[in-house]
Amino acid sequence: MSKKAAIILAPGYEELEAVAVVDILRRAGIEVLIVGLDKSPVPSARDVKIVPDAALDEVLDKQFDLIILPGGLDSTETLAKDERVVGMLRKQIDGGRMVGAICAAPTVLDRHGLSQGKQITCHPVCREAVRHSDLSDDRVVADGLLVTSQAPGTALEFALRLVEKLEGKEKMEEVNKGVLAKL
């Protein structure tokens, strides 16, 4: 049975961080559901619109092996203020399942105590917002159930690390043979 992941998009998301992650996970055979706050097309930071597969309310009771938050300052702020998103993340972590966050999105985890005592990384402009987690300068950090990354330029590394955590190093290397990301 294939693993299931959900990526939650809010207006202003970073398109590279969303599309690259969806692409890499799907190449690995992971079923990825693109979730919007509602069913309308979600505009990115540079107005690339993605039509979500599902609205957030439709998936609140579903279980995923991985939930991903792409960055983008506007998107991150929206996600951090949405009680449905925070509740879903809390349930995910409490259930022993993975969460990935990139760029500004790791601050959502920190703000709500979901990464407390864990090592995370985020975009350099967001570092001052991190108060409850141990900050790393690494491009991608995996600590327990959390995988975090810094920016659009680290999206492929981030996605491949998610594949490695979900499906193993062999699958990650197999996917990278076609992608040729520098690891």
C-alpha atoms as a PDB file:
ATOM      1  CA  MET A   1       0.000   0.000   0.000  1.00  0.00           C
ATOM      2  CA  SER A   2       1.442   3.353  -0.999  1.00  0.00           C
ATOM      3  CA  LYS A   3       2.132   6.063   1.533  1.00  0.00           C
ATOM      4  CA  LYS A   4      -0.161   9.099   1.608  1.00  0.00           C
ATOM      5  CA  ALA A   5       0.873  12.717   1.933  1.00  0.00           C
ATOM      6  CA  ALA A   6      -1.021  16.005   2.019  1.00  0.00           C
ATOM      7  CA  ILE A   7       0.448  19.373   1.102  1.00  0.00           C
ATOM      8  CA  ILE A   8      -1.556  22.333   2.384  1.00  0.00           C
ATOM      9  CA  LEU A   9      -1.572  25.451   0.213  1.00  0.00           C
ATOM     10  CA  ALA A  10      -2.666  28.910   1.315  1.00  0.00           C
ATOM     11  CA  PRO A  11      -2.520  32.057  -0.836  1.00  0.00           C
ATOM     12  CA  GLY A  12       1.034  33.310  -1.223  1.00  0.00           C
ATOM     13  CA  TYR A  13       2.725  29.883  -1.026  1.00  0.00           C
ATOM     14  CA  GLU A  14       6.148  29.459  -2.639  1.00  0.00           C
ATOM     15  CA  GLU A  15       5.467  27.642  -5.884  1.00  0.00           C
ATOM     16  CA  LEU A  16       8.877  25.951  -6.159  1.00  0.00           C
ATOM     17  CA  GLU A  17       8.499  24.534  -2.665  1.00  0.00           C
ATOM     18  CA  ALA A  18       5.059  23.150  -3.449  1.00  0.00           C
ATOM     19  CA  VAL A  19       5.487  21.850  -6.989  1.00  0.00           C
ATOM     20  CA  ALA A  20       8.977  20.374  -6.509  1.00  0.00           C
ATOM     21  CA  VAL A  21       7.851  18.482  -3.404  1.00  0.00           C
ATOM     22  CA  VAL A  22       4.689  17.139  -5.062  1.00  0.00           C
ATOM     23  CA  ASP A  23       6.716  16.080  -8.113  1.00  0.00           C
ATOM     24  CA  ILE A  24       9.436  14.247  -6.168  1.00  0.00           C
ATOM     25  CA  LEU A  25       7.002  12.487  -3.833  1.00  0.00           C
ATOM     26  CA  ARG A  26       4.863  11.322  -6.755  1.00  0.00           C
ATOM     27  CA  ARG A  27       7.962  10.062  -8.576  1.00  0.00           C
ATOM     28  CA  ALA A  28       8.578   7.925  -5.480  1.00  0.00           C
ATOM     29  CA  GLY A  29       5.084   6.445  -5.717  1.00  0.00           C
ATOM     30  CA  ILE A  30       3.723   8.401  -2.763  1.00  0.00           C
ATOM     31  CA  GLU A  31       0.097   9.463  -3.132  1.00  0.00           C
ATOM     32  CA  VAL A  32       0.041  13.255  -2.706  1.00  0.00           C
ATOM     33  CA  LEU A  33      -3.154  15.198  -2.103  1.00  0.00           C
ATOM     34  CA  ILE A  34      -2.972  18.939  -2.760  1.00  0.00           C
ATOM     35  CA  VAL A  35      -5.172  20.594  -0.145  1.00  0.00           C
ATOM     36  CA  GLY A  36      -6.467  24.156  -0.287  1.00  0.00           C
ATOM     37  CA  LEU A  37      -8.235  26.065   2.452  1.00  0.00           C
ATOM     38  CA  ASP A  38     -11.245  25.718   0.138  1.00  0.00           C
ATOM     39  CA  LYS A  39     -11.717  24.289  -3.378  1.00  0.00           C
ATOM     40  CA  SER A  40     -10.855  27.461  -5.318  1.00  0.00           C
ATOM     41  CA  PRO A  41      -7.539  27.827  -7.194  1.00  0.00           C
ATOM     42  CA  VAL A  42      -4.793  28.907  -4.793  1.00  0.00           C
ATOM     43  CA  PRO A  43      -2.547  31.753  -6.013  1.00  0.00           C
ATOM     44  CA  SER A  44       1.154  31.486  -5.198  1.00  0.00           C
ATOM     45  CA  ALA A  45       3.506  34.323  -4.279  1.00  0.00           C
ATOM     46  CA  ARG A  46       4.003  34.934  -8.014  1.00  0.00           C
ATOM     47  CA  ASP A  47       0.381  34.242  -8.962  1.00  0.00           C
ATOM     48  CA  VAL A  48       0.757  30.664 -10.182  1.00  0.00           C
ATOM     49  CA  LYS A  49      -2.649  29.169  -9.423  1.00  0.00           C
ATOM     50  CA  ILE A  50      -3.019  25.535  -8.412  1.00  0.00           C
ATOM     51  CA  VAL A  51      -6.424  23.897  -8.229  1.00  0.00           C
ATOM     52  CA  PRO A  52      -6.460  21.799  -5.050  1.00  0.00           C
ATOM     53  CA  ASP A  53      -7.538  18.160  -5.042  1.00  0.00           C
ATOM     54  CA  ALA A  54      -9.504  18.738  -1.847  1.00  0.00           C
ATOM     55  CA  ALA A  55     -10.577  21.443   0.572  1.00  0.00           C
ATOM     56  CA  LEU A  56      -9.137  21.374   4.083  1.00  0.00           C
ATOM     57  CA  ASP A  57     -12.522  20.581   5.653  1.00  0.00           C
ATOM     58  CA  GLU A  58     -12.745  17.436   3.482  1.00  0.00           C
ATOM     59  CA  VAL A  59      -9.522  15.959   4.870  1.00  0.00           C
ATOM     60  CA  LEU A  60      -9.592  16.919   8.553  1.00  0.00           C
ATOM     61  CA  ASP A  61     -10.516  13.365   9.567  1.00  0.00           C
ATOM     62  CA  LYS A  62      -8.208  11.617   7.101  1.00  0.00           C
ATOM     63  CA  GLN A  63      -4.900  10.123   8.158  1.00  0.00           C
ATOM     64  CA  PHE A  64      -1.703  10.876   6.244  1.00  0.00           C
ATOM     65  CA  ASP A  65       1.803   9.473   6.611  1.00  0.00           C
ATOM     66  CA  LEU A  66       3.109  12.988   5.950  1.00  0.00           C
ATOM     67  CA  ILE A  67       1.723  16.531   6.011  1.00  0.00           C
ATOM     68  CA  ILE A  68       3.766  19.210   4.235  1.00  0.00           C
ATOM     69  CA  LEU A  69       3.664  22.984   4.631  1.00  0.00           C
ATOM     70  CA  PRO A  70       5.359  24.987   1.868  1.00  0.00           C
ATOM     71  CA  GLY A  71       6.629  28.431   2.771  1.00  0.00           C
ATOM     72  CA  GLY A  72       5.813  31.925   1.656  1.00  0.00           C
ATOM     73  CA  LEU A  73       5.361  34.652   4.254  1.00  0.00           C
ATOM     74  CA  ASP A  74       1.672  35.310   3.525  1.00  0.00           C
ATOM     75  CA  SER A  75       0.871  31.621   3.246  1.00  0.00           C
ATOM     76  CA  THR A  76       2.702  30.795   6.467  1.00  0.00           C
ATOM     77  CA  GLU A  77       0.869  33.466   8.428  1.00  0.00           C
ATOM     78  CA  THR A  78      -2.477  32.201   7.134  1.00  0.00           C
ATOM     79  CA  LEU A  79      -1.614  28.591   8.015  1.00  0.00           C
ATOM     80  CA  ALA A  80      -0.390  29.590  11.494  1.00  0.00           C
ATOM     81  CA  LYS A  81      -3.685  31.349  12.260  1.00  0.00           C
ATOM     82  CA  ASP A  82      -5.933  28.560  10.941  1.00  0.00           C
ATOM     83  CA  GLU A  83      -7.047  26.418  13.879  1.00  0.00           C
ATOM     84  CA  ARG A  84      -7.956  23.561  11.520  1.00  0.00           C
ATOM     85  CA  VAL A  85      -4.369  23.420  10.206  1.00  0.00           C
ATOM     86  CA  VAL A  86      -2.841  23.625  13.684  1.00  0.00           C
ATOM     87  CA  GLY A  87      -5.196  20.919  14.964  1.00  0.00           C
ATOM     88  CA  MET A  88      -4.353  18.682  12.023  1.00  0.00           C
ATOM     89  CA  LEU A  89      -0.612  19.156  12.628  1.00  0.00           C
ATOM     90  CA  ARG A  90      -0.986  18.462  16.346  1.00  0.00           C
ATOM     91  CA  LYS A  91      -2.973  15.280  15.635  1.00  0.00           C
ATOM     92  CA  GLN A  92      -0.365  14.247  13.054  1.00  0.00           C
ATOM     93  CA  ILE A  93       2.541  14.575  15.479  1.00  0.00           C
ATOM     94  CA  ASP A  94       0.627  13.101  18.431  1.00  0.00           C
ATOM     95  CA  GLY A  95      -0.161  10.133  16.186  1.00  0.00           C
ATOM     96  CA  GLY A  96       3.538   9.538  15.479  1.00  0.00           C
ATOM     97  CA  ARG A  97       3.344  10.649  11.854  1.00  0.00           C
ATOM     98  CA  MET A  98       5.661  12.977   9.906  1.00  0.00           C
ATOM     99  CA  VAL A  99       5.424  16.694   9.198  1.00  0.00           C
ATOM    100  CA  GLY A 100       7.567  18.561   6.683  1.00  0.00           C
ATOM    101  CA  ALA A 101       7.896  22.349   6.571  1.00  0.00           C
ATOM    102  CA  ILE A 102      10.087  24.544   4.394  1.00  0.00           C
ATOM    103  CA  CYS A 103      11.174  28.194   4.247  1.00  0.00           C
ATOM    104  CA  ALA A 104       8.947  30.263   6.585  1.00  0.00           C
ATOM    105  CA  ALA A 105       6.632  27.337   7.381  1.00  0.00           C
ATOM    106  CA  PRO A 106       8.764  25.845  10.208  1.00  0.00           C
ATOM    107  CA  THR A 107       7.757  28.934  12.207  1.00  0.00           C
ATOM    108  CA  VAL A 108       4.177  27.563  12.255  1.00  0.00           C
ATOM    109  CA  LEU A 109       5.460  24.501  14.111  1.00  0.00           C
ATOM    110  CA  ASP A 110       7.534  26.611  16.497  1.00  0.00           C
ATOM    111  CA  ARG A 111       4.758  29.124  17.201  1.00  0.00           C
ATOM    112  CA  HIS A 112       2.403  26.367  18.333  1.00  0.00           C
ATOM    113  CA  GLY A 113       4.968  24.378  20.331  1.00  0.00           C
ATOM    114  CA  LEU A 114       4.985  21.508  17.830  1.00  0.00           C
ATOM    115  CA  SER A 115       8.756  21.605  17.382  1.00  0.00           C
ATOM    116  CA  GLN A 116       9.679  22.410  20.975  1.00  0.00           C
ATOM    117  CA  GLY A 117      12.996  20.819  21.913  1.00  0.00           C
ATOM    118  CA  LYS A 118      13.579  19.753  18.300  1.00  0.00           C
ATOM    119  CA  GLN A 119      16.193  20.942  15.873  1.00  0.00           C
ATOM    120  CA  ILE A 120      14.732  22.791  12.894  1.00  0.00           C
ATOM    121  CA  THR A 121      15.881  25.078  10.123  1.00  0.00           C
ATOM    122  CA  CYS A 122      14.066  27.824   8.238  1.00  0.00           C
ATOM    123  CA  HIS A 123      14.698  30.718   5.878  1.00  0.00           C
ATOM    124  CA  PRO A 124      17.258  33.150   7.349  1.00  0.00           C
ATOM    125  CA  VAL A 125      14.721  36.015   7.391  1.00  0.00           C
ATOM    126  CA  CYS A 126      12.484  33.978   9.717  1.00  0.00           C
ATOM    127  CA  ARG A 127      15.100  32.869  12.220  1.00  0.00           C
ATOM    128  CA  GLU A 128      14.244  35.571  14.793  1.00  0.00           C
ATOM    129  CA  ALA A 129      10.654  34.289  14.921  1.00  0.00           C
ATOM    130  CA  VAL A 130      11.837  30.888  16.215  1.00  0.00           C
ATOM    131  CA  ARG A 131      11.612  30.841  20.018  1.00  0.00           C
ATOM    132  CA  HIS A 132      10.972  27.257  21.169  1.00  0.00           C
ATOM    133  CA  SER A 133      13.153  25.144  18.894  1.00  0.00           C
ATOM    134  CA  ASP A 134      16.867  24.647  18.364  1.00  0.00           C
ATOM    135  CA  LEU A 135      17.902  26.370  15.135  1.00  0.00           C
ATOM    136  CA  SER A 136      20.276  24.752  12.678  1.00  0.00           C
ATOM    137  CA  ASP A 137      22.088  26.367   9.751  1.00  0.00           C
ATOM    138  CA  ASP A 138      21.761  23.153   7.730  1.00  0.00           C
ATOM    139  CA  ARG A 139      19.809  23.270   4.462  1.00  0.00           C
ATOM    140  CA  VAL A 140      17.603  20.335   5.505  1.00  0.00           C
ATOM    141  CA  VAL A 141      17.118  19.028   9.051  1.00  0.00           C
ATOM    142  CA  ALA A 142      15.381  15.811  10.094  1.00  0.00           C
ATOM    143  CA  ASP A 143      14.671  15.471  13.816  1.00  0.00           C
ATOM    144  CA  GLY A 144      12.281  12.717  14.772  1.00  0.00           C
ATOM    145  CA  LEU A 145       8.959  13.232  12.993  1.00  0.00           C
ATOM    146  CA  LEU A 146       9.913  16.681  11.675  1.00  0.00           C
ATOM    147  CA  VAL A 147      11.762  17.499   8.476  1.00  0.00           C
ATOM    148  CA  THR A 148      12.448  21.181   7.844  1.00  0.00           C
ATOM    149  CA  SER A 149      14.287  23.078   5.144  1.00  0.00           C
ATOM    150  CA  GLN A 150      15.379  26.604   4.308  1.00  0.00           C
ATOM    151  CA  ALA A 151      14.112  27.950   0.990  1.00  0.00           C
ATOM    152  CA  PRO A 152      13.034  27.370  -2.623  1.00  0.00           C
ATOM    153  CA  GLY A 153      16.650  26.505  -3.456  1.00  0.00           C
ATOM    154  CA  THR A 154      16.572  23.583  -1.007  1.00  0.00           C
ATOM    155  CA  ALA A 155      13.209  22.183  -2.172  1.00  0.00           C
ATOM    156  CA  LEU A 156      14.653  19.191  -4.067  1.00  0.00           C
ATOM    157  CA  GLU A 157      16.894  18.201  -1.150  1.00  0.00           C
ATOM    158  CA  PHE A 158      13.917  18.601   1.198  1.00  0.00           C
ATOM    159  CA  ALA A 159      11.646  16.466  -0.998  1.00  0.00           C
ATOM    160  CA  LEU A 160      14.268  13.754  -1.385  1.00  0.00           C
ATOM    161  CA  ARG A 161      14.803  13.664   2.395  1.00  0.00           C
ATOM    162  CA  LEU A 162      11.033  13.208   2.817  1.00  0.00           C
ATOM    163  CA  VAL A 163      11.177  10.281   0.379  1.00  0.00           C
ATOM    164  CA  GLU A 164      14.111   8.805   2.295  1.00  0.00           C
ATOM    165  CA  LYS A 165      12.233   9.079   5.621  1.00  0.00           C
ATOM    166  CA  LEU A 166       9.047   7.550   4.174  1.00  0.00           C
ATOM    167  CA  GLU A 167      10.388   4.958   1.736  1.00  0.00           C
ATOM    168  CA  GLY A 168      14.076   4.490   2.540  1.00  0.00           C
ATOM    169  CA  LYS A 169      17.427   5.516   1.107  1.00  0.00           C
ATOM    170  CA  GLU A 170      17.215   3.110  -1.835  1.00  0.00           C
ATOM    171  CA  LYS A 171      13.960   4.675  -3.095  1.00  0.00           C
ATOM    172  CA  MET A 172      15.366   8.170  -2.615  1.00  0.00           C
ATOM    173  CA  GLU A 173      18.465   7.272  -4.654  1.00  0.00           C
ATOM    174  CA  GLU A 174      16.308   5.650  -7.344  1.00  0.00           C
ATOM    175  CA  VAL A 175      14.202   8.825  -7.694  1.00  0.00           C
ATOM    176  CA  ASN A 176      17.315  11.005  -7.759  1.00  0.00           C
ATOM    177  CA  LYS A 177      18.795   9.016 -10.672  1.00  0.00           C
ATOM    178  CA  GLY A 178      16.209  10.714 -12.866  1.00  0.00           C
ATOM    179  CA  VAL A 179      16.378  14.096 -11.142  1.00  0.00           C
ATOM    180  CA  LEU A 180      20.135  14.502 -10.509  1.00  0.00           C
ATOM    181  CA  ALA A 181      19.769  16.742  -7.472  1.00  0.00           C
ATOM    182  CA  LYS A 182      23.028  17.491  -5.699  1.00  0.00           C
ATOM    183  CA  LEU A 183      22.845  15.883  -2.273  1.00  0.00           C
END
